Amino acid sequence: MEESISGFKHRGSWGDIVEHGERITSALRDAGVDSEAFEEWDEWRPKSHERLSQDVNEKTAEQASVGEGEGEKAGKKPEEDLQSAGRKLSESYEKVEEGDNEGAVERWQDSIDYVKRAADSASRKALRTVENTVYRKVMTQLAPYYFDNELVSANVQRVTRGAGDEVEFVFEVNVNDDDLKEAVSARLTEYEDEVDRWHIDTEKDTTTAEAAEGVEAPRNDPESKSTTN
């Protein structure tokens, strides 16, 4: 593993980078990190039974996608918000006829808000469709698979074939908080000194034939593990 200002980098086989991700995850947990951001990272990091161009690709496209707007979070479709906007506009006219100008302005503003929310939901949906297609078909051919939230920034890419035609990858992880990064660094050093062999987590009952391009997935063996060297 190489450590620098930009993060913790490791180059090796698929099993090596899976182990790298597991070590950093364990170090974060040991440092007391327990948050939604941690769960997002733990879900995204490469697993022993996954394939880079399929599983990590899909997870990267999902986390890179435009988030949900207020309307989507409320479970409302654009057409539903437009219907609500129409009702509020009708109520606004009624208030004008009643001489309630303040109530009319309030209903008119509600109508505008619903229109804005409907447009936001529709545009986000359209953007996600375009993003997903572009990212899956284009961006992953030009850039590494990446992850980014307030806790961790990371990227992994297939770089070359090593000796014996073996596939190699580079996995770089940065902990965004400097104090937490120091704690993780110290813990990773302890792992190097204290852990002779690292047991890679494997998914039970997996039927995946390969973990990555040209690399066989570890068998579901409780003794499956990787050296720390």
C-alpha atoms as a PDB file:
ATOM      1  CA  MET A   1       0.000   0.000   0.000  1.00  0.00           C
ATOM      2  CA  GLU A   2       1.150   3.529  -0.833  1.00  0.00           C
ATOM      3  CA  GLU A   3       0.074   6.374   1.448  1.00  0.00           C
ATOM      4  CA  SER A   4       0.066   9.989   0.278  1.00  0.00           C
ATOM      5  CA  ILE A   5      -1.809  13.249   0.729  1.00  0.00           C
ATOM      6  CA  SER A   6      -4.366  12.045  -1.789  1.00  0.00           C
ATOM      7  CA  GLY A   7      -5.099   8.811   0.055  1.00  0.00           C
ATOM      8  CA  PHE A   8      -4.287   5.137   0.479  1.00  0.00           C
ATOM      9  CA  LYS A   9      -3.429   3.448  -2.810  1.00  0.00           C
ATOM     10  CA  HIS A  10      -2.955  -0.233  -3.550  1.00  0.00           C
ATOM     11  CA  ARG A  11      -2.115  -2.030  -6.783  1.00  0.00           C
ATOM     12  CA  GLY A  12      -2.623  -5.730  -7.308  1.00  0.00           C
ATOM     13  CA  SER A  13      -5.071  -8.493  -8.108  1.00  0.00           C
ATOM     14  CA  TRP A  14      -8.818  -8.277  -7.530  1.00  0.00           C
ATOM     15  CA  GLY A  15      -8.362 -10.066  -4.208  1.00  0.00           C
ATOM     16  CA  ASP A  16      -5.706  -7.522  -3.212  1.00  0.00           C
ATOM     17  CA  ILE A  17      -7.932  -4.512  -3.784  1.00  0.00           C
ATOM     18  CA  VAL A  18     -10.899  -6.214  -2.114  1.00  0.00           C
ATOM     19  CA  GLU A  19      -8.658  -6.709   0.922  1.00  0.00           C
ATOM     20  CA  HIS A  20      -7.545  -3.062   0.726  1.00  0.00           C
ATOM     21  CA  GLY A  21     -11.183  -1.930   0.868  1.00  0.00           C
ATOM     22  CA  GLU A  22     -11.934  -4.275   3.744  1.00  0.00           C
ATOM     23  CA  ARG A  23      -8.956  -3.010   5.757  1.00  0.00           C
ATOM     24  CA  ILE A  24      -9.995   0.618   5.339  1.00  0.00           C
ATOM     25  CA  THR A  25     -13.594  -0.237   6.209  1.00  0.00           C
ATOM     26  CA  SER A  26     -12.442  -2.064   9.337  1.00  0.00           C
ATOM     27  CA  ALA A  27     -10.166   0.857  10.284  1.00  0.00           C
ATOM     28  CA  LEU A  28     -13.056   3.313   9.913  1.00  0.00           C
ATOM     29  CA  ARG A  29     -15.241   1.097  12.075  1.00  0.00           C
ATOM     30  CA  ASP A  30     -12.510   0.799  14.706  1.00  0.00           C
ATOM     31  CA  ALA A  31     -12.254   4.598  14.699  1.00  0.00           C
ATOM     32  CA  GLY A  32     -15.904   4.776  15.727  1.00  0.00           C
ATOM     33  CA  VAL A  33     -17.440   5.698  12.380  1.00  0.00           C
ATOM     34  CA  ASP A  34     -21.076   4.643  12.205  1.00  0.00           C
ATOM     35  CA  SER A  35     -23.130   6.747   9.814  1.00  0.00           C
ATOM     36  CA  GLU A  36     -25.145   6.677   6.619  1.00  0.00           C
ATOM     37  CA  ALA A  37     -22.043   7.822   4.739  1.00  0.00           C
ATOM     38  CA  PHE A  38     -20.150   4.822   6.129  1.00  0.00           C
ATOM     39  CA  GLU A  39     -22.930   2.463   5.027  1.00  0.00           C
ATOM     40  CA  GLU A  40     -22.848   3.978   1.522  1.00  0.00           C
ATOM     41  CA  TRP A  41     -19.095   3.389   1.330  1.00  0.00           C
ATOM     42  CA  ASP A  42     -19.398  -0.142   2.692  1.00  0.00           C
ATOM     43  CA  GLU A  43     -22.011  -0.933   0.051  1.00  0.00           C
ATOM     44  CA  TRP A  44     -19.990   0.517  -2.840  1.00  0.00           C
ATOM     45  CA  ARG A  45     -16.510  -0.895  -2.111  1.00  0.00           C
ATOM     46  CA  PRO A  46     -15.528  -3.838  -4.328  1.00  0.00           C
ATOM     47  CA  LYS A  47     -16.442  -7.283  -2.998  1.00  0.00           C
ATOM     48  CA  SER A  48     -14.769 -10.620  -3.679  1.00  0.00           C
ATOM     49  CA  HIS A  49     -17.767 -12.018  -5.586  1.00  0.00           C
ATOM     50  CA  GLU A  50     -18.259  -8.959  -7.808  1.00  0.00           C
ATOM     51  CA  ARG A  51     -17.113  -7.961 -11.283  1.00  0.00           C
ATOM     52  CA  LEU A  52     -15.654  -4.524 -11.954  1.00  0.00           C
ATOM     53  CA  SER A  53     -17.397  -3.892 -15.278  1.00  0.00           C
ATOM     54  CA  GLN A  54     -20.766  -5.111 -14.020  1.00  0.00           C
ATOM     55  CA  ASP A  55     -21.359  -4.786 -10.260  1.00  0.00           C
ATOM     56  CA  VAL A  56     -19.027  -1.867  -9.486  1.00  0.00           C
ATOM     57  CA  ASN A  57     -20.129  -0.173 -12.692  1.00  0.00           C
ATOM     58  CA  GLU A  58     -23.783  -0.356 -11.651  1.00  0.00           C
ATOM     59  CA  LYS A  59     -23.083   0.863  -8.115  1.00  0.00           C
ATOM     60  CA  THR A  60     -20.980   3.746  -9.414  1.00  0.00           C
ATOM     61  CA  ALA A  61     -23.645   4.845 -11.898  1.00  0.00           C
ATOM     62  CA  GLU A  62     -26.254   4.721  -9.137  1.00  0.00           C
ATOM     63  CA  GLN A  63     -24.291   6.776  -6.612  1.00  0.00           C
ATOM     64  CA  ALA A  64     -23.192   9.271  -9.272  1.00  0.00           C
ATOM     65  CA  SER A  65     -26.744   9.898 -10.385  1.00  0.00           C
ATOM     66  CA  VAL A  66     -28.675  13.078  -9.635  1.00  0.00           C
ATOM     67  CA  GLY A  67     -30.406  12.720  -6.287  1.00  0.00           C
ATOM     68  CA  GLU A  68     -34.128  12.886  -5.640  1.00  0.00           C
ATOM     69  CA  GLY A  69     -35.853  16.238  -5.469  1.00  0.00           C
ATOM     70  CA  GLU A  70     -38.473  17.249  -2.919  1.00  0.00           C
ATOM     71  CA  GLY A  71     -41.328  15.964  -5.050  1.00  0.00           C
ATOM     72  CA  GLU A  72     -39.722  12.561  -5.533  1.00  0.00           C
ATOM     73  CA  LYS A  73     -38.923  12.312  -1.833  1.00  0.00           C
ATOM     74  CA  ALA A  74     -42.587  12.998  -1.141  1.00  0.00           C
ATOM     75  CA  GLY A  75     -43.520  10.198  -3.541  1.00  0.00           C
ATOM     76  CA  LYS A  76     -45.245  12.550  -5.993  1.00  0.00           C
ATOM     77  CA  LYS A  77     -45.114  12.231  -9.769  1.00  0.00           C
ATOM     78  CA  PRO A  78     -44.801  15.409 -11.868  1.00  0.00           C
ATOM     79  CA  GLU A  79     -48.371  15.040 -13.150  1.00  0.00           C
ATOM     80  CA  GLU A  80     -49.674  14.829  -9.564  1.00  0.00           C
ATOM     81  CA  ASP A  81     -47.931  18.070  -8.651  1.00  0.00           C
ATOM     82  CA  LEU A  82     -49.346  19.723 -11.769  1.00  0.00           C
ATOM     83  CA  GLN A  83     -52.843  18.665 -10.731  1.00  0.00           C
ATOM     84  CA  SER A  84     -52.225  20.153  -7.291  1.00  0.00           C
ATOM     85  CA  ALA A  85     -50.965  23.338  -8.950  1.00  0.00           C
ATOM     86  CA  GLY A  86     -54.206  23.569 -10.929  1.00  0.00           C
ATOM     87  CA  ARG A  87     -56.305  23.174  -7.776  1.00  0.00           C
ATOM     88  CA  LYS A  88     -54.338  25.864  -5.967  1.00  0.00           C
ATOM     89  CA  LEU A  89     -54.706  28.210  -8.938  1.00  0.00           C
ATOM     90  CA  SER A  90     -58.481  27.678  -8.920  1.00  0.00           C
ATOM     91  CA  GLU A  91     -58.561  28.397  -5.194  1.00  0.00           C
ATOM     92  CA  SER A  92     -56.585  31.565  -5.846  1.00  0.00           C
ATOM     93  CA  TYR A  93     -59.255  32.804  -8.303  1.00  0.00           C
ATOM     94  CA  GLU A  94     -61.952  32.011  -5.754  1.00  0.00           C
ATOM     95  CA  LYS A  95     -60.128  34.037  -3.104  1.00  0.00           C
ATOM     96  CA  VAL A  96     -59.922  36.999  -5.492  1.00  0.00           C
ATOM     97  CA  GLU A  97     -63.676  36.849  -6.056  1.00  0.00           C
ATOM     98  CA  GLU A  98     -64.190  36.735  -2.284  1.00  0.00           C
ATOM     99  CA  GLY A  99     -62.027  39.798  -1.854  1.00  0.00           C
ATOM    100  CA  ASP A 100     -59.393  37.864   0.052  1.00  0.00           C
ATOM    101  CA  ASN A 101     -56.306  39.165  -1.711  1.00  0.00           C
ATOM    102  CA  GLU A 102     -53.920  37.747   0.880  1.00  0.00           C
ATOM    103  CA  GLY A 103     -55.438  34.293   0.541  1.00  0.00           C
ATOM    104  CA  ALA A 104     -55.333  34.598  -3.246  1.00  0.00           C
ATOM    105  CA  VAL A 105     -51.620  35.410  -3.223  1.00  0.00           C
ATOM    106  CA  GLU A 106     -50.964  32.510  -0.861  1.00  0.00           C
ATOM    107  CA  ARG A 107     -52.792  30.008  -3.093  1.00  0.00           C
ATOM    108  CA  TRP A 108     -51.071  31.452  -6.186  1.00  0.00           C
ATOM    109  CA  GLN A 109     -47.667  30.968  -4.568  1.00  0.00           C
ATOM    110  CA  ASP A 110     -48.594  27.391  -3.636  1.00  0.00           C
ATOM    111  CA  SER A 111     -49.535  26.800  -7.268  1.00  0.00           C
ATOM    112  CA  ILE A 112     -46.166  28.104  -8.465  1.00  0.00           C
ATOM    113  CA  ASP A 113     -44.355  25.907  -5.932  1.00  0.00           C
ATOM    114  CA  TYR A 114     -46.131  22.805  -7.225  1.00  0.00           C
ATOM    115  CA  VAL A 115     -45.251  23.718 -10.820  1.00  0.00           C
ATOM    116  CA  LYS A 116     -41.604  24.183  -9.854  1.00  0.00           C
ATOM    117  CA  ARG A 117     -41.568  20.861  -8.031  1.00  0.00           C
ATOM    118  CA  ALA A 118     -43.137  19.068 -10.989  1.00  0.00           C
ATOM    119  CA  ALA A 119     -40.561  20.559 -13.364  1.00  0.00           C
ATOM    120  CA  ASP A 120     -37.757  19.636 -10.982  1.00  0.00           C
ATOM    121  CA  SER A 121     -38.934  16.025 -10.731  1.00  0.00           C
ATOM    122  CA  ALA A 122     -39.312  15.691 -14.494  1.00  0.00           C
ATOM    123  CA  SER A 123     -35.905  17.209 -15.220  1.00  0.00           C
ATOM    124  CA  ARG A 124     -34.174  15.029 -12.609  1.00  0.00           C
ATOM    125  CA  LYS A 125     -35.738  11.918 -14.094  1.00  0.00           C
ATOM    126  CA  ALA A 126     -34.607  12.909 -17.572  1.00  0.00           C
ATOM    127  CA  LEU A 127     -31.101  13.719 -16.340  1.00  0.00           C
ATOM    128  CA  ARG A 128     -30.798  10.378 -14.580  1.00  0.00           C
ATOM    129  CA  THR A 129     -31.782   8.549 -17.781  1.00  0.00           C
ATOM    130  CA  VAL A 130     -29.142  10.399 -19.774  1.00  0.00           C
ATOM    131  CA  GLU A 131     -26.535  10.102 -17.009  1.00  0.00           C
ATOM    132  CA  ASN A 132     -27.041   6.393 -16.635  1.00  0.00           C
ATOM    133  CA  THR A 133     -26.651   5.752 -20.358  1.00  0.00           C
ATOM    134  CA  VAL A 134     -23.683   8.056 -20.793  1.00  0.00           C
ATOM    135  CA  TYR A 135     -21.918   6.847 -17.681  1.00  0.00           C
ATOM    136  CA  ARG A 136     -22.317   3.142 -18.379  1.00  0.00           C
ATOM    137  CA  LYS A 137     -21.445   3.335 -22.074  1.00  0.00           C
ATOM    138  CA  VAL A 138     -18.911   6.171 -22.184  1.00  0.00           C
ATOM    139  CA  MET A 139     -17.487   7.461 -18.925  1.00  0.00           C
ATOM    140  CA  THR A 140     -16.365   4.109 -17.540  1.00  0.00           C
ATOM    141  CA  GLN A 141     -14.296   3.679 -20.690  1.00  0.00           C
ATOM    142  CA  LEU A 142     -12.493   6.973 -20.044  1.00  0.00           C
ATOM    143  CA  ALA A 143     -12.283   7.309 -16.278  1.00  0.00           C
ATOM    144  CA  PRO A 144     -11.980   5.125 -13.168  1.00  0.00           C
ATOM    145  CA  TYR A 145     -14.990   3.794 -11.308  1.00  0.00           C
ATOM    146  CA  TYR A 146     -15.387   6.266  -8.485  1.00  0.00           C
ATOM    147  CA  PHE A 147     -17.183   6.909  -5.216  1.00  0.00           C
ATOM    148  CA  ASP A 148     -17.560  10.169  -3.322  1.00  0.00           C
ATOM    149  CA  ASN A 149     -19.425  11.312  -0.232  1.00  0.00           C
ATOM    150  CA  GLU A 150     -18.586  13.391   2.845  1.00  0.00           C
ATOM    151  CA  LEU A 151     -16.678  10.499   4.421  1.00  0.00           C
ATOM    152  CA  VAL A 152     -14.694   8.856   1.633  1.00  0.00           C
ATOM    153  CA  SER A 153     -13.526   9.564  -1.912  1.00  0.00           C
ATOM    154  CA  ALA A 154     -12.298   6.548  -3.867  1.00  0.00           C
ATOM    155  CA  ASN A 155     -11.611   5.252  -7.343  1.00  0.00           C
ATOM    156  CA  VAL A 156     -10.703   1.876  -8.789  1.00  0.00           C
ATOM    157  CA  GLN A 157      -9.591   0.986 -12.281  1.00  0.00           C
ATOM    158  CA  ARG A 158      -8.188  -1.903 -14.240  1.00  0.00           C
ATOM    159  CA  VAL A 159      -4.745  -0.818 -15.356  1.00  0.00           C
ATOM    160  CA  THR A 160      -2.906  -3.655 -17.081  1.00  0.00           C
ATOM    161  CA  ARG A 161      -2.122  -7.321 -17.129  1.00  0.00           C
ATOM    162  CA  GLY A 162       0.753  -8.328 -14.937  1.00  0.00           C
ATOM    163  CA  ALA A 163       3.114 -11.292 -15.103  1.00  0.00           C
ATOM    164  CA  GLY A 164       1.518 -14.462 -16.389  1.00  0.00           C
ATOM    165  CA  ASP A 165      -1.285 -12.500 -18.066  1.00  0.00           C
ATOM    166  CA  GLU A 166      -2.789 -11.649 -14.660  1.00  0.00           C
ATOM    167  CA  VAL A 167      -5.243  -8.735 -14.461  1.00  0.00           C
ATOM    168  CA  GLU A 168      -4.134  -5.871 -12.203  1.00  0.00           C
ATOM    169  CA  PHE A 169      -6.100  -3.053 -10.613  1.00  0.00           C
ATOM    170  CA  VAL A 170      -5.354   0.188  -8.769  1.00  0.00           C
ATOM    171  CA  PHE A 171      -7.612   1.150  -5.860  1.00  0.00           C
ATOM    172  CA  GLU A 172      -7.149   4.537  -4.185  1.00  0.00           C
ATOM    173  CA  VAL A 173      -9.138   5.626  -1.145  1.00  0.00           C
ATOM    174  CA  ASN A 174      -9.069   8.999   0.583  1.00  0.00           C
ATOM    175  CA  VAL A 175     -10.668   9.704   3.961  1.00  0.00           C
ATOM    176  CA  ASN A 176     -11.932  13.269   3.682  1.00  0.00           C
ATOM    177  CA  ASP A 177     -11.517  14.312   7.322  1.00  0.00           C
ATOM    178  CA  ASP A 178      -7.824  14.849   8.158  1.00  0.00           C
ATOM    179  CA  ASP A 179      -8.079  13.762  11.811  1.00  0.00           C
ATOM    180  CA  LEU A 180     -10.009  10.633  10.866  1.00  0.00           C
ATOM    181  CA  LYS A 181      -7.508   9.925   8.096  1.00  0.00           C
ATOM    182  CA  GLU A 182      -4.700   9.927  10.676  1.00  0.00           C
ATOM    183  CA  ALA A 183      -6.649   7.483  12.840  1.00  0.00           C
ATOM    184  CA  VAL A 184      -7.257   5.213   9.847  1.00  0.00           C
ATOM    185  CA  SER A 185      -3.586   5.397   8.868  1.00  0.00           C
ATOM    186  CA  ALA A 186      -2.518   4.388  12.373  1.00  0.00           C
ATOM    187  CA  ARG A 187      -4.960   1.494  12.390  1.00  0.00           C
ATOM    188  CA  LEU A 188      -3.790   0.271   8.965  1.00  0.00           C
ATOM    189  CA  THR A 189      -0.232   0.277  10.281  1.00  0.00           C
ATOM    190  CA  GLU A 190      -1.363  -1.830  13.224  1.00  0.00           C
ATOM    191  CA  TYR A 191      -2.935  -4.313  10.817  1.00  0.00           C
ATOM    192  CA  GLU A 192       0.374  -4.606   8.977  1.00  0.00           C
ATOM    193  CA  ASP A 193       2.206  -5.273  12.252  1.00  0.00           C
ATOM    194  CA  GLU A 194      -0.337  -7.490  14.003  1.00  0.00           C
ATOM    195  CA  VAL A 195      -2.402  -9.359  11.386  1.00  0.00           C
ATOM    196  CA  ASP A 196      -0.447 -12.162   9.738  1.00  0.00           C
ATOM    197  CA  ARG A 197      -3.220 -13.188   7.378  1.00  0.00           C
ATOM    198  CA  TRP A 198      -6.336 -11.256   6.402  1.00  0.00           C
ATOM    199  CA  HIS A 199      -9.570 -13.207   5.901  1.00  0.00           C
ATOM    200  CA  ILE A 200     -11.457 -11.806   2.936  1.00  0.00           C
ATOM    201  CA  ASP A 201     -15.232 -11.742   3.385  1.00  0.00           C
ATOM    202  CA  THR A 202     -16.988 -13.843   0.761  1.00  0.00           C
ATOM    203  CA  GLU A 203     -20.680 -13.909  -0.068  1.00  0.00           C
ATOM    204  CA  LYS A 204     -22.431 -17.132   0.866  1.00  0.00           C
ATOM    205  CA  ASP A 205     -24.058 -19.182  -1.905  1.00  0.00           C
ATOM    206  CA  THR A 206     -22.625 -17.014  -4.639  1.00  0.00           C
ATOM    207  CA  THR A 207     -22.976 -18.409  -8.154  1.00  0.00           C
ATOM    208  CA  THR A 208     -20.705 -15.823  -9.764  1.00  0.00           C
ATOM    209  CA  ALA A 209     -18.100 -17.642 -11.811  1.00  0.00           C
ATOM    210  CA  GLU A 210     -15.615 -14.788 -11.917  1.00  0.00           C
ATOM    211  CA  ALA A 211     -14.889 -11.894  -9.561  1.00  0.00           C
ATOM    212  CA  ALA A 212     -13.406  -9.682 -12.264  1.00  0.00           C
ATOM    213  CA  GLU A 213     -12.370  -9.922 -15.867  1.00  0.00           C
ATOM    214  CA  GLY A 214     -10.377 -13.115 -16.173  1.00  0.00           C
ATOM    215  CA  VAL A 215     -10.116 -13.661 -12.414  1.00  0.00           C
ATOM    216  CA  GLU A 216     -11.791 -16.571 -10.671  1.00  0.00           C
ATOM    217  CA  ALA A 217     -13.910 -15.709  -7.636  1.00  0.00           C
ATOM    218  CA  PRO A 218     -12.827 -17.115  -4.249  1.00  0.00           C
ATOM    219  CA  ARG A 219     -14.736 -20.250  -3.287  1.00  0.00           C
ATOM    220  CA  ASN A 220     -17.139 -20.205  -0.361  1.00  0.00           C
ATOM    221  CA  ASP A 221     -14.507 -21.623   1.949  1.00  0.00           C
ATOM    222  CA  PRO A 222     -14.246 -20.403   5.566  1.00  0.00           C
ATOM    223  CA  GLU A 223     -10.460 -20.682   5.170  1.00  0.00           C
ATOM    224  CA  SER A 224     -10.438 -18.336   2.154  1.00  0.00           C
ATOM    225  CA  LYS A 225      -7.989 -15.549   2.956  1.00  0.00           C
ATOM    226  CA  SER A 226      -5.286 -13.285   1.628  1.00  0.00           C
ATOM    227  CA  THR A 227      -1.860 -12.477   2.981  1.00  0.00           C
ATOM    228  CA  THR A 228      -1.121  -9.032   4.278  1.00  0.00           C
ATOM    229  CA  ASN A 229       2.093  -8.857   2.296  1.00  0.00           C
END
